């Protein structure tokens, strides 16, 4: 890899989520970020989806895919992680079209203009960032990046979530922390 090229974060993400997929999906059902902030916000932003074809980009274990199906949508669900795809298929069966796919690659399995709505939790994070409800912070230890964290306003309290940890510093990870 040339010196100035960034590492393949897609491969890094695929490995990290592959290793933690089952734990992630279990925790995401009830944790503050997914169950009480991310999903309610995303779902409130989605237009009525009955009869529409929706792309769930980064479907993880299929919670939003299942919700979209319950709303009457036809769903195409994508994720970069094989285990997440297995969990999504287990959750929704053949009610959705589910693909293992890297979003950086063309979606040759889709017909042009066949998607009406795109759902992606990354869009929620970007919206929250622009709205001033979400901050991204990095912690350095001895000049080395040790962690990245989301900090966000929820219920008039500032919460922080350790969203990425350099494995060399894993013992420093506090998980959820109430900051104010």
Protein backbone atom coordinates (compact mmCIF):
# COMPACT_ATOMS: atom_id res chain seq x y z
CA UNK A 1 0.00 0.00 0.00
CA UNK A 2 1.43 3.43 -0.92
CA UNK A 3 2.50 5.50 2.07
CA UNK A 4 -0.26 8.14 1.83
CA UNK A 5 -3.18 5.77 1.27
CA UNK A 6 -5.51 5.15 4.22
CA UNK A 7 -5.90 1.59 5.49
CA UNK A 8 -8.83 -0.47 4.22
CA UNK A 9 -11.33 0.42 6.92
CA UNK A 10 -13.93 -1.77 5.23
CA UNK A 11 -11.82 -4.86 5.91
CA UNK A 12 -11.13 -3.64 9.45
CA UNK A 13 -14.86 -3.09 10.06
CA UNK A 14 -15.72 -6.47 8.55
CA UNK A 15 -13.29 -8.28 10.88
CA UNK A 16 -14.32 -6.32 13.97
CA UNK A 17 -18.07 -6.83 13.44
CA UNK A 18 -17.59 -10.45 12.40
CA UNK A 19 -15.90 -11.16 15.74
CA UNK A 20 -18.51 -9.30 17.81
CA UNK A 21 -21.71 -9.73 15.75
CA UNK A 22 -23.71 -11.86 18.18
CA UNK A 23 -22.78 -9.74 21.18
CA UNK A 24 -23.47 -6.51 19.26
CA UNK A 25 -26.93 -7.65 18.15
CA UNK A 26 -27.88 -8.79 21.67
CA UNK A 27 -26.77 -5.51 23.24
CA UNK A 28 -28.31 -3.36 20.51
CA UNK A 29 -31.78 -4.63 21.42
CA UNK A 30 -31.79 -2.69 24.71
CA UNK A 31 -28.77 -0.39 24.96
CA UNK A 32 -29.13 3.37 25.17
CA UNK A 33 -27.55 4.23 21.82
CA UNK A 34 -29.29 1.72 19.55
CA UNK A 35 -32.63 1.04 21.23
CA UNK A 36 -33.37 4.45 22.73
CA UNK A 37 -31.62 6.95 20.48
CA UNK A 38 -30.43 5.74 17.07
CA UNK A 39 -33.39 3.56 16.09
CA UNK A 40 -36.16 5.91 17.31
CA UNK A 41 -34.50 8.88 15.57
CA UNK A 42 -33.93 7.01 12.30
CA UNK A 43 -37.42 5.59 12.30
CA UNK A 44 -38.93 9.02 12.91
CA UNK A 45 -37.08 10.34 9.83
CA UNK A 46 -38.21 7.59 7.46
CA UNK A 47 -41.23 8.59 5.38
CA UNK A 48 -44.20 6.19 5.41
CA UNK A 49 -42.69 3.12 3.79
CA UNK A 50 -45.70 0.92 3.06
CA UNK A 51 -45.45 -0.19 -0.56
CA UNK A 52 -42.01 1.38 -1.01
CA UNK A 53 -38.73 -0.37 -1.71
CA UNK A 54 -36.23 0.52 1.02
CA UNK A 55 -32.49 -0.07 1.11
CA UNK A 56 -31.24 -0.84 4.63
CA UNK A 57 -27.57 0.01 4.13
CA UNK A 58 -25.55 -1.47 6.97
CA UNK A 59 -28.38 -3.66 8.28
CA UNK A 60 -26.34 -5.24 11.12
CA UNK A 61 -28.54 -7.95 12.66
CA UNK A 62 -31.70 -6.86 10.88
CA UNK A 63 -33.63 -4.89 13.54
CA UNK A 64 -34.46 -2.04 11.14
CA UNK A 65 -35.00 -4.51 8.29
CA UNK A 66 -37.63 -6.27 10.38
CA UNK A 67 -39.24 -2.96 11.40
CA UNK A 68 -39.40 -1.81 7.76
CA UNK A 69 -41.07 -5.09 6.78
CA UNK A 70 -43.63 -4.55 9.56
CA UNK A 71 -44.34 -1.12 8.04
CA UNK A 72 -45.18 -2.78 4.71
CA UNK A 73 -41.94 -2.00 2.87
CA UNK A 74 -40.14 -4.24 0.43
CA UNK A 75 -36.57 -4.31 1.82
CA UNK A 76 -33.12 -4.82 0.38
CA UNK A 77 -30.71 -5.24 3.31
CA UNK A 78 -26.93 -4.99 2.98
CA UNK A 79 -24.04 -5.46 5.35
CA UNK A 80 -20.30 -5.93 4.99
CA UNK A 81 -20.16 -8.66 7.63
CA UNK A 82 -21.04 -12.31 6.87
CA UNK A 83 -22.24 -13.01 10.43
CA UNK A 84 -24.51 -9.93 10.40
CA UNK A 85 -26.04 -11.20 7.15
CA UNK A 86 -26.65 -14.61 8.78
CA UNK A 87 -28.33 -12.93 11.77
CA UNK A 88 -30.48 -10.74 9.50
CA UNK A 89 -31.58 -13.76 7.46
CA UNK A 90 -32.39 -15.64 10.65
CA UNK A 91 -34.49 -12.68 11.84
CA UNK A 92 -36.46 -11.96 8.64
CA UNK A 93 -36.23 -15.21 6.67
CA UNK A 94 -37.03 -14.72 3.02
CA UNK A 95 -39.23 -11.66 3.60
CA UNK A 96 -36.32 -9.36 2.56
CA UNK A 97 -33.64 -9.46 -0.09
CA UNK A 98 -30.42 -9.72 1.95
CA UNK A 99 -26.93 -9.27 0.48
CA UNK A 100 -23.37 -9.43 1.78
CA UNK A 101 -22.03 -6.23 0.26
CA UNK A 102 -19.39 -3.55 0.71
CA UNK A 103 -21.12 -0.17 0.23
CA UNK A 104 -18.01 1.15 -1.51
CA UNK A 105 -18.72 -1.22 -4.40
CA UNK A 106 -21.36 -0.90 -7.15
CA UNK A 107 -24.70 -2.56 -6.41
CA UNK A 108 -25.04 -4.58 -9.59
CA UNK A 109 -27.89 -6.60 -8.08
CA UNK A 110 -30.12 -3.47 -8.07
CA UNK A 111 -31.95 -2.08 -11.06
CA UNK A 112 -31.38 1.67 -11.48
CA UNK A 113 -34.00 3.78 -9.68
CA UNK A 114 -35.51 0.72 -7.98
CA UNK A 115 -35.01 2.06 -4.43
CA UNK A 116 -37.42 4.64 -2.98
CA UNK A 117 -35.82 5.22 0.45
CA UNK A 118 -32.40 4.55 1.96
CA UNK A 119 -32.00 3.90 5.68
CA UNK A 120 -28.53 4.03 7.22
CA UNK A 121 -27.67 4.76 10.83
CA UNK A 122 -24.58 6.57 9.57
CA UNK A 123 -26.98 9.17 8.19
CA UNK A 124 -28.40 9.64 11.68
CA UNK A 125 -24.96 10.16 13.15
CA UNK A 126 -24.15 12.77 10.50
CA UNK A 127 -27.45 14.56 11.08
CA UNK A 128 -26.88 14.59 14.85
CA UNK A 129 -23.35 15.88 14.33
CA UNK A 130 -24.60 18.74 12.15
CA UNK A 131 -27.39 19.48 14.65
CA UNK A 132 -24.93 19.76 17.53
CA UNK A 133 -26.28 16.74 19.45
CA UNK A 134 -23.32 14.50 18.73
CA UNK A 135 -19.60 15.04 19.11
CA UNK A 136 -16.79 12.76 18.06
CA UNK A 137 -13.70 12.75 20.26
CA UNK A 138 -10.39 10.91 20.26
CA UNK A 139 -8.28 9.95 23.24
CA UNK A 140 -4.53 9.75 22.88
CA UNK A 141 -2.23 7.97 25.31
CA UNK A 142 1.44 8.78 24.91
CA UNK A 143 0.80 10.29 21.47
CA UNK A 144 -0.96 7.12 20.24
CA UNK A 145 -4.67 7.07 19.43
CA UNK A 146 -6.22 4.86 22.11
CA UNK A 147 -9.96 5.37 21.48
CA UNK A 148 -12.63 7.20 19.58
CA UNK A 149 -15.86 8.14 21.30
CA UNK A 150 -19.30 9.42 20.45
CA UNK A 151 -20.64 11.94 22.92
CA UNK A 152 -24.26 12.99 22.59
CA UNK A 153 -27.09 14.80 24.29
CA UNK A 154 -29.91 12.51 25.42
CA UNK A 155 -32.56 13.55 27.92
CA UNK A 156 -30.66 16.79 28.68
CA UNK A 157 -27.64 14.79 29.80
CA UNK A 158 -24.35 14.39 28.02
CA UNK A 159 -23.52 10.73 27.38
CA UNK A 160 -20.30 9.31 26.01
CA UNK A 161 -19.86 5.99 24.29
CA UNK A 162 -16.52 4.36 23.68
CA UNK A 163 -17.08 3.54 20.02
CA UNK A 164 -13.64 2.35 19.05
CA UNK A 165 -10.72 1.14 21.09
CA UNK A 166 -7.17 0.37 20.13
CA UNK A 167 -6.84 -3.20 21.49
CA UNK A 168 -3.57 -2.23 23.20
CA UNK A 169 -5.62 0.03 25.52
CA UNK A 170 -8.76 -2.14 25.98
CA UNK A 171 -8.42 -2.13 29.78
CA UNK A 172 -9.05 1.63 29.75
CA UNK A 173 -12.48 1.22 28.11
CA UNK A 174 -15.27 2.34 30.45
CA UNK A 175 -18.22 1.61 28.10
CA UNK A 176 -21.10 4.02 28.80
CA UNK A 177 -20.31 7.00 31.00
CA UNK A 178 -22.67 9.71 32.21
CA UNK A 179 -20.69 12.92 31.72
CA UNK A 180 -23.11 15.42 33.29
